Amino acid sequence: MRVSAVFLLFLGVFFGLIGLVYWFWGYEDGGGVMLLGATLLGFLPGLYYFFWYRRFHGHKYFFWGRIPVAGERPSDREDAELADGAGNIDSFPGTSIWPFIMGMGAFMTVLALVFGVWLLFIGVPLILTALTGVTAESRRGGNV
């Protein structure tokens, strides 16, 4: 978690600095707000990961060395190899039509914002049908 936290916090600081420079150089609202959003997208998960990293490792050991903790990520260990982070790779879903139907329902629902509310009568049932189909397919383990 430490590597992920440091990376995300670095991105938050980077986009924050770029946002400040952009704001005082260009005085443009749209880009400044987008860079503020990018800063928050770096800081929010980065601070979350950093909090949990410190909680699992203990405050007094954070700066003075590594303490072996059960359940730590391989990226946090200095002696880790690439194969340590591979995990168990044997659970891939089969082919299914339901993601396509869900996408079409979402597409129709978004089109309802542009062309009229009547498209909701097509989009919402498609989404509900796809949710039901995905749930039934995942419970039974095959095509429904």
N, C-alpha and C. Protein backbone atom coordinates (compact mmCIF):
# COMPACT_ATOMS: atom_id res chain seq x y z
N MET A 1 0.81 -1.19 0.00
CA MET A 1 0.00 0.00 0.00
C MET A 1 0.85 1.26 0.00
N ARG A 2 2.06 1.16 0.50
CA ARG A 2 2.91 2.34 0.58
C ARG A 2 3.24 2.88 -0.81
N VAL A 3 3.55 1.98 -1.73
CA VAL A 3 3.90 2.41 -3.08
C VAL A 3 2.72 3.09 -3.75
N SER A 4 1.54 2.52 -3.61
CA SER A 4 0.34 3.12 -4.20
C SER A 4 0.04 4.47 -3.57
N ALA A 5 0.19 4.56 -2.24
CA ALA A 5 -0.08 5.82 -1.55
C ALA A 5 0.88 6.91 -1.99
N VAL A 6 2.16 6.60 -2.05
CA VAL A 6 3.15 7.60 -2.45
C VAL A 6 2.92 8.04 -3.90
N PHE A 7 2.60 7.10 -4.77
CA PHE A 7 2.36 7.44 -6.17
C PHE A 7 1.15 8.36 -6.31
N LEU A 8 0.05 8.03 -5.64
CA LEU A 8 -1.15 8.84 -5.76
C LEU A 8 -0.98 10.20 -5.10
N LEU A 9 -0.27 10.26 -3.97
CA LEU A 9 -0.01 11.55 -3.35
C LEU A 9 0.90 12.41 -4.22
N PHE A 10 1.86 11.79 -4.89
CA PHE A 10 2.70 12.54 -5.83
C PHE A 10 1.86 13.12 -6.95
N LEU A 11 0.93 12.33 -7.48
CA LEU A 11 0.05 12.85 -8.54
C LEU A 11 -0.81 14.01 -8.04
N GLY A 12 -1.29 13.90 -6.79
CA GLY A 12 -2.07 15.00 -6.23
C GLY A 12 -1.27 16.27 -6.09
N VAL A 13 -0.03 16.15 -5.61
CA VAL A 13 0.84 17.32 -5.48
C VAL A 13 1.17 17.89 -6.85
N PHE A 14 1.48 17.03 -7.79
CA PHE A 14 1.82 17.47 -9.14
C PHE A 14 0.67 18.25 -9.77
N PHE A 15 -0.52 17.67 -9.76
CA PHE A 15 -1.65 18.36 -10.37
C PHE A 15 -2.04 19.61 -9.58
N GLY A 16 -1.81 19.61 -8.26
CA GLY A 16 -2.06 20.82 -7.48
C GLY A 16 -1.14 21.96 -7.87
N LEU A 17 0.14 21.65 -8.05
CA LEU A 17 1.10 22.68 -8.46
C LEU A 17 0.79 23.18 -9.88
N ILE A 18 0.50 22.24 -10.77
CA ILE A 18 0.15 22.64 -12.14
C ILE A 18 -1.13 23.47 -12.13
N GLY A 19 -2.08 23.12 -11.27
CA GLY A 19 -3.33 23.88 -11.17
C GLY A 19 -3.10 25.30 -10.67
N LEU A 20 -2.20 25.46 -9.69
CA LEU A 20 -1.90 26.81 -9.21
C LEU A 20 -1.23 27.66 -10.29
N VAL A 21 -0.27 27.07 -10.96
CA VAL A 21 0.40 27.80 -12.05
C VAL A 21 -0.62 28.15 -13.13
N TYR A 22 -1.47 27.21 -13.48
CA TYR A 22 -2.47 27.44 -14.53
C TYR A 22 -3.45 28.53 -14.12
N TRP A 23 -3.85 28.50 -12.86
CA TRP A 23 -4.84 29.47 -12.38
C TRP A 23 -4.27 30.89 -12.41
N PHE A 24 -3.03 31.08 -11.92
CA PHE A 24 -2.47 32.43 -11.87
C PHE A 24 -1.91 32.89 -13.20
N TRP A 25 -1.68 31.96 -14.10
CA TRP A 25 -1.17 32.35 -15.41
C TRP A 25 -2.31 32.61 -16.39
N GLY A 26 -3.31 31.73 -16.39
CA GLY A 26 -4.34 31.84 -17.40
C GLY A 26 -5.64 32.46 -16.94
N TYR A 27 -5.93 32.45 -15.63
CA TYR A 27 -7.21 32.95 -15.09
C TYR A 27 -8.41 32.36 -15.81
N GLU A 28 -8.35 31.07 -16.07
CA GLU A 28 -9.42 30.39 -16.78
C GLU A 28 -10.09 29.41 -15.82
N ASP A 29 -11.41 29.50 -15.72
CA ASP A 29 -12.13 28.74 -14.70
C ASP A 29 -12.23 27.26 -15.01
N GLY A 30 -12.53 26.91 -16.25
CA GLY A 30 -12.77 25.50 -16.61
C GLY A 30 -11.57 24.62 -16.37
N GLY A 31 -10.42 25.02 -16.86
CA GLY A 31 -9.20 24.23 -16.68
C GLY A 31 -8.77 24.16 -15.23
N GLY A 32 -8.96 25.27 -14.50
CA GLY A 32 -8.62 25.28 -13.08
C GLY A 32 -9.46 24.30 -12.28
N VAL A 33 -10.75 24.25 -12.59
CA VAL A 33 -11.63 23.31 -11.89
C VAL A 33 -11.28 21.87 -12.25
N MET A 34 -10.93 21.62 -13.51
CA MET A 34 -10.54 20.26 -13.90
C MET A 34 -9.24 19.84 -13.22
N LEU A 35 -8.29 20.75 -13.11
CA LEU A 35 -7.05 20.42 -12.42
C LEU A 35 -7.28 20.26 -10.92
N LEU A 36 -8.22 21.00 -10.34
CA LEU A 36 -8.58 20.78 -8.95
C LEU A 36 -9.19 19.39 -8.78
N GLY A 37 -10.03 18.98 -9.72
CA GLY A 37 -10.59 17.63 -9.67
C GLY A 37 -9.51 16.57 -9.79
N ALA A 38 -8.52 16.78 -10.66
CA ALA A 38 -7.42 15.83 -10.80
C ALA A 38 -6.59 15.78 -9.52
N THR A 39 -6.44 16.92 -8.86
CA THR A 39 -5.72 16.95 -7.58
C THR A 39 -6.46 16.13 -6.54
N LEU A 40 -7.76 16.31 -6.47
CA LEU A 40 -8.55 15.53 -5.50
C LEU A 40 -8.54 14.05 -5.84
N LEU A 41 -8.53 13.72 -7.13
CA LEU A 41 -8.47 12.31 -7.52
C LEU A 41 -7.14 11.68 -7.15
N GLY A 42 -6.11 12.48 -6.96
CA GLY A 42 -4.84 11.95 -6.47
C GLY A 42 -4.81 11.88 -4.96
N PHE A 43 -5.33 12.92 -4.29
CA PHE A 43 -5.23 12.99 -2.84
C PHE A 43 -6.20 12.05 -2.11
N LEU A 44 -7.42 11.92 -2.60
CA LEU A 44 -8.41 11.14 -1.84
C LEU A 44 -8.01 9.67 -1.71
N PRO A 45 -7.74 8.94 -2.79
CA PRO A 45 -7.31 7.56 -2.58
C PRO A 45 -5.90 7.47 -2.01
N GLY A 46 -5.03 8.45 -2.32
CA GLY A 46 -3.68 8.42 -1.76
C GLY A 46 -3.68 8.55 -0.25
N LEU A 47 -4.49 9.46 0.28
CA LEU A 47 -4.58 9.60 1.74
C LEU A 47 -5.24 8.39 2.38
N TYR A 48 -6.19 7.80 1.69
CA TYR A 48 -6.83 6.59 2.20
C TYR A 48 -5.82 5.44 2.31
N TYR A 49 -5.06 5.22 1.25
CA TYR A 49 -4.04 4.17 1.29
C TYR A 49 -2.98 4.47 2.34
N PHE A 50 -2.57 5.74 2.45
CA PHE A 50 -1.54 6.12 3.41
C PHE A 50 -2.04 5.89 4.84
N PHE A 51 -3.31 6.23 5.09
CA PHE A 51 -3.90 6.01 6.41
C PHE A 51 -3.89 4.53 6.78
N TRP A 52 -4.30 3.68 5.87
CA TRP A 52 -4.34 2.26 6.17
C TRP A 52 -2.95 1.66 6.26
N TYR A 53 -2.02 2.16 5.50
CA TYR A 53 -0.64 1.69 5.59
C TYR A 53 -0.08 2.00 6.97
N ARG A 54 -0.31 3.21 7.45
CA ARG A 54 0.19 3.58 8.78
C ARG A 54 -0.53 2.81 9.87
N ARG A 55 -1.79 2.55 9.67
CA ARG A 55 -2.54 1.83 10.70
C ARG A 55 -2.07 0.37 10.82
N PHE A 56 -1.79 -0.25 9.70
CA PHE A 56 -1.35 -1.64 9.74
C PHE A 56 0.09 -1.78 10.19
N HIS A 57 0.92 -0.79 9.94
CA HIS A 57 2.33 -0.90 10.28
C HIS A 57 2.68 -0.26 11.61
N GLY A 58 1.82 0.50 12.19
CA GLY A 58 2.12 1.13 13.47
C GLY A 58 2.88 2.43 13.27
N HIS A 59 2.51 3.44 14.05
CA HIS A 59 3.08 4.78 13.88
C HIS A 59 4.56 4.83 14.23
N LYS A 60 4.97 4.14 15.29
CA LYS A 60 6.36 4.28 15.74
C LYS A 60 7.35 3.55 14.84
N TYR A 61 6.87 2.64 14.00
CA TYR A 61 7.80 1.92 13.13
C TYR A 61 7.80 2.47 11.71
N PHE A 62 7.04 3.51 11.45
CA PHE A 62 6.89 3.96 10.07
C PHE A 62 8.19 4.50 9.50
N PHE A 63 8.95 5.30 10.28
CA PHE A 63 10.16 5.91 9.75
C PHE A 63 11.42 5.12 10.08
N TRP A 64 11.33 4.11 10.98
CA TRP A 64 12.54 3.45 11.44
C TRP A 64 12.75 2.06 10.88
N GLY A 65 12.02 1.64 9.93
CA GLY A 65 12.29 0.33 9.34
C GLY A 65 11.03 -0.46 9.07
N ARG A 66 11.23 -1.58 8.40
CA ARG A 66 10.12 -2.42 7.98
C ARG A 66 9.87 -3.49 9.02
N ILE A 67 8.62 -3.63 9.40
CA ILE A 67 8.19 -4.66 10.32
C ILE A 67 7.38 -5.66 9.51
N PRO A 68 7.73 -6.95 9.53
CA PRO A 68 6.93 -7.93 8.78
C PRO A 68 5.51 -8.01 9.32
N VAL A 69 4.55 -7.77 8.46
CA VAL A 69 3.15 -7.78 8.84
C VAL A 69 2.43 -8.77 7.95
N ALA A 70 1.56 -9.58 8.53
CA ALA A 70 0.79 -10.54 7.73
C ALA A 70 -0.16 -9.77 6.83
N GLY A 71 -0.22 -10.14 5.57
CA GLY A 71 -1.16 -9.53 4.63
C GLY A 71 -0.62 -8.31 3.91
N GLU A 72 0.67 -8.02 4.03
CA GLU A 72 1.19 -6.87 3.32
C GLU A 72 1.34 -7.18 1.84
N ARG A 73 1.36 -6.16 1.04
CA ARG A 73 1.47 -6.34 -0.40
C ARG A 73 2.91 -6.64 -0.78
N PRO A 74 3.12 -7.38 -1.86
CA PRO A 74 4.49 -7.64 -2.30
C PRO A 74 5.24 -6.37 -2.69
N SER A 75 4.53 -5.35 -3.14
CA SER A 75 5.20 -4.11 -3.53
C SER A 75 5.78 -3.37 -2.33
N ASP A 76 5.34 -3.71 -1.12
CA ASP A 76 5.87 -3.08 0.08
C ASP A 76 7.14 -3.74 0.58
N ARG A 77 7.48 -4.90 0.07
CA ARG A 77 8.67 -5.62 0.53
C ARG A 77 9.84 -5.36 -0.40
N GLU A 78 11.01 -5.23 0.19
CA GLU A 78 12.20 -5.01 -0.62
C GLU A 78 12.66 -6.29 -1.31
N ASP A 79 12.40 -7.45 -0.69
CA ASP A 79 12.89 -8.72 -1.24
C ASP A 79 11.85 -9.43 -2.12
N ALA A 80 10.81 -8.73 -2.51
CA ALA A 80 9.75 -9.36 -3.30
C ALA A 80 10.19 -9.55 -4.76
N GLU A 81 9.63 -10.60 -5.36
CA GLU A 81 9.87 -10.85 -6.78
C GLU A 81 8.57 -10.60 -7.55
N LEU A 82 8.69 -10.56 -8.85
CA LEU A 82 7.53 -10.28 -9.68
C LEU A 82 6.45 -11.35 -9.54
N ALA A 83 6.86 -12.59 -9.37
CA ALA A 83 5.90 -13.70 -9.26
C ALA A 83 5.11 -13.65 -7.96
N ASP A 84 5.61 -12.94 -6.94
CA ASP A 84 4.89 -12.86 -5.67
C ASP A 84 3.57 -12.11 -5.80
N GLY A 85 3.48 -11.18 -6.73
CA GLY A 85 2.26 -10.41 -6.89
C GLY A 85 1.31 -10.96 -7.92
N ALA A 86 1.64 -12.10 -8.51
CA ALA A 86 0.80 -12.64 -9.58
C ALA A 86 -0.54 -13.13 -9.06
N GLY A 87 -0.56 -13.81 -7.96
CA GLY A 87 -1.82 -14.30 -7.42
C GLY A 87 -2.36 -15.49 -8.16
N ASN A 88 -3.61 -15.78 -7.90
CA ASN A 88 -4.28 -16.93 -8.48
C ASN A 88 -5.03 -16.47 -9.73
N ILE A 89 -4.65 -16.97 -10.89
CA ILE A 89 -5.26 -16.52 -12.13
C ILE A 89 -6.05 -17.68 -12.73
N ASP A 90 -7.31 -17.82 -12.32
CA ASP A 90 -8.11 -18.91 -12.88
C ASP A 90 -9.60 -18.61 -12.86
N SER A 91 -10.00 -17.38 -12.69
CA SER A 91 -11.41 -17.08 -12.60
C SER A 91 -11.78 -16.00 -13.60
N PHE A 92 -12.03 -16.41 -14.83
CA PHE A 92 -12.44 -15.46 -15.85
C PHE A 92 -13.89 -15.75 -16.22
N PRO A 93 -14.71 -14.70 -16.37
CA PRO A 93 -16.10 -14.94 -16.75
C PRO A 93 -16.20 -15.37 -18.21
N GLY A 94 -17.22 -16.12 -18.50
CA GLY A 94 -17.46 -16.54 -19.87
C GLY A 94 -18.09 -15.43 -20.69
N THR A 95 -18.36 -15.72 -21.93
CA THR A 95 -19.00 -14.73 -22.78
C THR A 95 -20.44 -14.53 -22.35
N SER A 96 -20.92 -13.31 -22.51
CA SER A 96 -22.26 -12.98 -22.08
C SER A 96 -22.80 -11.83 -22.92
N ILE A 97 -24.10 -11.83 -23.12
CA ILE A 97 -24.76 -10.76 -23.87
C ILE A 97 -25.19 -9.63 -22.94
N TRP A 98 -25.24 -9.87 -21.63
CA TRP A 98 -25.80 -8.91 -20.70
C TRP A 98 -25.02 -7.59 -20.59
N PRO A 99 -23.70 -7.56 -20.67
CA PRO A 99 -23.03 -6.25 -20.68
C PRO A 99 -23.41 -5.39 -21.88
N PHE A 100 -23.62 -6.01 -23.03
CA PHE A 100 -24.06 -5.26 -24.20
C PHE A 100 -25.45 -4.68 -23.99
N ILE A 101 -26.35 -5.49 -23.42
CA ILE A 101 -27.71 -5.01 -23.17
C ILE A 101 -27.70 -3.89 -22.13
N MET A 102 -26.86 -4.02 -21.10
CA MET A 102 -26.74 -2.97 -20.10
C MET A 102 -26.21 -1.69 -20.74
N GLY A 103 -25.24 -1.80 -21.62
CA GLY A 103 -24.71 -0.63 -22.32
C GLY A 103 -25.75 0.04 -23.20
N MET A 104 -26.54 -0.76 -23.87
CA MET A 104 -27.60 -0.19 -24.71
C MET A 104 -28.65 0.51 -23.84
N GLY A 105 -28.96 -0.07 -22.69
CA GLY A 105 -29.91 0.58 -21.78
C GLY A 105 -29.36 1.90 -21.24
N ALA A 106 -28.08 1.91 -20.88
CA ALA A 106 -27.47 3.15 -20.41
C ALA A 106 -27.42 4.18 -21.53
N PHE A 107 -27.13 3.73 -22.75
CA PHE A 107 -27.11 4.63 -23.90
C PHE A 107 -28.49 5.26 -24.13
N MET A 108 -29.53 4.45 -24.06
CA MET A 108 -30.89 4.97 -24.25
C MET A 108 -31.26 5.92 -23.12
N THR A 109 -30.82 5.63 -21.91
CA THR A 109 -31.13 6.49 -20.77
C THR A 109 -30.44 7.84 -20.93
N VAL A 110 -29.20 7.85 -21.40
CA VAL A 110 -28.50 9.11 -21.62
C VAL A 110 -29.13 9.87 -22.80
N LEU A 111 -29.54 9.14 -23.83
CA LEU A 111 -30.22 9.80 -24.94
C LEU A 111 -31.53 10.43 -24.51
N ALA A 112 -32.13 9.93 -23.44
CA ALA A 112 -33.37 10.52 -22.93
C ALA A 112 -33.14 11.94 -22.44
N LEU A 113 -31.91 12.24 -22.00
CA LEU A 113 -31.62 13.61 -21.59
C LEU A 113 -31.59 14.56 -22.78
N VAL A 114 -31.30 14.04 -23.96
CA VAL A 114 -31.16 14.89 -25.14
C VAL A 114 -32.46 14.95 -25.94
N PHE A 115 -33.05 13.78 -26.22
CA PHE A 115 -34.16 13.72 -27.15
C PHE A 115 -35.53 13.64 -26.50
N GLY A 116 -35.60 13.27 -25.25
CA GLY A 116 -36.90 13.25 -24.60
C GLY A 116 -37.03 12.11 -23.60
N VAL A 117 -37.95 12.32 -22.69
CA VAL A 117 -38.15 11.37 -21.60
C VAL A 117 -38.69 10.04 -22.10
N TRP A 118 -39.29 10.02 -23.27
CA TRP A 118 -39.88 8.78 -23.78
C TRP A 118 -38.83 7.69 -23.98
N LEU A 119 -37.56 8.05 -24.17
CA LEU A 119 -36.52 7.04 -24.32
C LEU A 119 -36.21 6.32 -23.01
N LEU A 120 -36.62 6.91 -21.89
CA LEU A 120 -36.47 6.21 -20.60
C LEU A 120 -37.30 4.93 -20.57
N PHE A 121 -38.41 4.92 -21.29
CA PHE A 121 -39.26 3.73 -21.31
C PHE A 121 -38.59 2.57 -22.05
N ILE A 122 -37.55 2.86 -22.81
CA ILE A 122 -36.76 1.81 -23.45
C ILE A 122 -35.51 1.50 -22.62
N GLY A 123 -34.84 2.54 -22.13
CA GLY A 123 -33.56 2.37 -21.44
C GLY A 123 -33.66 1.72 -20.08
N VAL A 124 -34.62 2.13 -19.26
CA VAL A 124 -34.72 1.58 -17.89
C VAL A 124 -35.07 0.10 -17.90
N PRO A 125 -36.05 -0.36 -18.71
CA PRO A 125 -36.29 -1.81 -18.75
C PRO A 125 -35.08 -2.61 -19.26
N LEU A 126 -34.32 -2.04 -20.20
CA LEU A 126 -33.12 -2.74 -20.66
C LEU A 126 -32.10 -2.88 -19.53
N ILE A 127 -31.92 -1.83 -18.75
CA ILE A 127 -30.98 -1.90 -17.63
C ILE A 127 -31.46 -2.91 -16.59
N LEU A 128 -32.73 -2.87 -16.25
CA LEU A 128 -33.26 -3.81 -15.25
C LEU A 128 -33.17 -5.26 -15.74
N THR A 129 -33.46 -5.46 -17.02
CA THR A 129 -33.35 -6.80 -17.59
C THR A 129 -31.91 -7.29 -17.57
N ALA A 130 -30.96 -6.40 -17.90
CA ALA A 130 -29.56 -6.78 -17.89
C ALA A 130 -29.07 -7.09 -16.48
N LEU A 131 -29.50 -6.30 -15.52
CA LEU A 131 -29.12 -6.57 -14.12
C LEU A 131 -29.66 -7.92 -13.66
N THR A 132 -30.90 -8.22 -14.01
CA THR A 132 -31.48 -9.51 -13.66
C THR A 132 -30.74 -10.65 -14.36
N GLY A 133 -30.43 -10.47 -15.63
CA GLY A 133 -29.72 -11.51 -16.38
C GLY A 133 -28.31 -11.75 -15.86
N VAL A 134 -27.58 -10.67 -15.54
CA VAL A 134 -26.22 -10.83 -14.99
C VAL A 134 -26.26 -11.55 -13.66
N THR A 135 -27.23 -11.18 -12.82
CA THR A 135 -27.34 -11.82 -11.51
C THR A 135 -27.68 -13.30 -11.66
N ALA A 136 -28.64 -13.62 -12.51
CA ALA A 136 -29.02 -15.02 -12.70
C ALA A 136 -27.87 -15.82 -13.30
N GLU A 137 -27.15 -15.22 -14.24
CA GLU A 137 -26.04 -15.92 -14.88
C GLU A 137 -24.89 -16.15 -13.90
N SER A 138 -24.62 -15.19 -13.04
CA SER A 138 -23.52 -15.38 -12.08
C SER A 138 -23.89 -16.39 -11.02
N ARG A 139 -25.15 -16.51 -10.69
CA ARG A 139 -25.58 -17.48 -9.67
C ARG A 139 -25.59 -18.90 -10.23
N ARG A 140 -25.94 -19.05 -11.49
CA ARG A 140 -26.06 -20.39 -12.07
C ARG A 140 -24.78 -20.87 -12.71
N GLY A 141 -23.90 -19.94 -13.08
CA GLY A 141 -22.62 -20.33 -13.64
C GLY A 141 -22.65 -20.71 -15.11
N GLY A 142 -23.53 -20.11 -15.87
CA GLY A 142 -23.59 -20.42 -17.30
C GLY A 142 -24.39 -19.38 -18.03
N ASN A 143 -24.67 -19.62 -19.29
CA ASN A 143 -25.46 -18.67 -20.07
C ASN A 143 -26.94 -18.80 -19.72
N VAL A 144 -27.60 -17.66 -19.59
CA VAL A 144 -29.02 -17.65 -19.26
C VAL A 144 -29.78 -17.11 -20.45
